[in-house]
Amino acid sequence: MSVQTNFHDISLINDYLFISAWPKGEHAEEIQSLGVRLILSMHWLRPSRSLGKTPVQLLWLPTFDNPILLMPLNTLYRGVKTALPVIEGGGKVLVHCRVGRHRSVAMACCILIGMGYSSSDAMKLVKERREEADPDRWYIRSRIIMFEDYWRNGLFD
């Protein structure tokens, strides 16, 4: 489900979660106006610092969209542990990568798992709400499923 904004490539996944392609600094006020209080940047390039102006927190989690360099589970865990208090406090989270297809989708699914979804339900919801989303790519899907296993079994703590 796309949101009508000047920043055209942003999808509302549920009441507290958005996925987008690479936002520019000029989109900061618009993103803030959506109620976003945390931006998780999954691109290997550093995002514009203007995206992280109060009251929005910006967390850069540089990762690669590459089947050889898999996303570290600890990076996904760090994003989820940062996102959960924001969501529980009534704020919204925007996750982005370059296109909003793989890395941001994996993180969004992991956040949903942290909120109680199963990995399959999380991937299904994200695919329904963001046309570009591809959580079924083997190296993305495997990380989401492994994250769920670690999360459910307390292997991060």
Foldseek 3Di string as FASTA:
>chain_A
DFDDDPLGAKWDLDPAEIEGAADALVCQVVCVVSQAQEEEEADQDDHDCSNDDPSHHYDYLHDDPDLVGFRDLVSLVVLLVVVVVCVVVPGHYYYYYHGRAAPSLLSQLLNVLVVPDQSVVSLVSVVVTHVRYDCPPPSNVVSSNVNSVCVVVVVVD
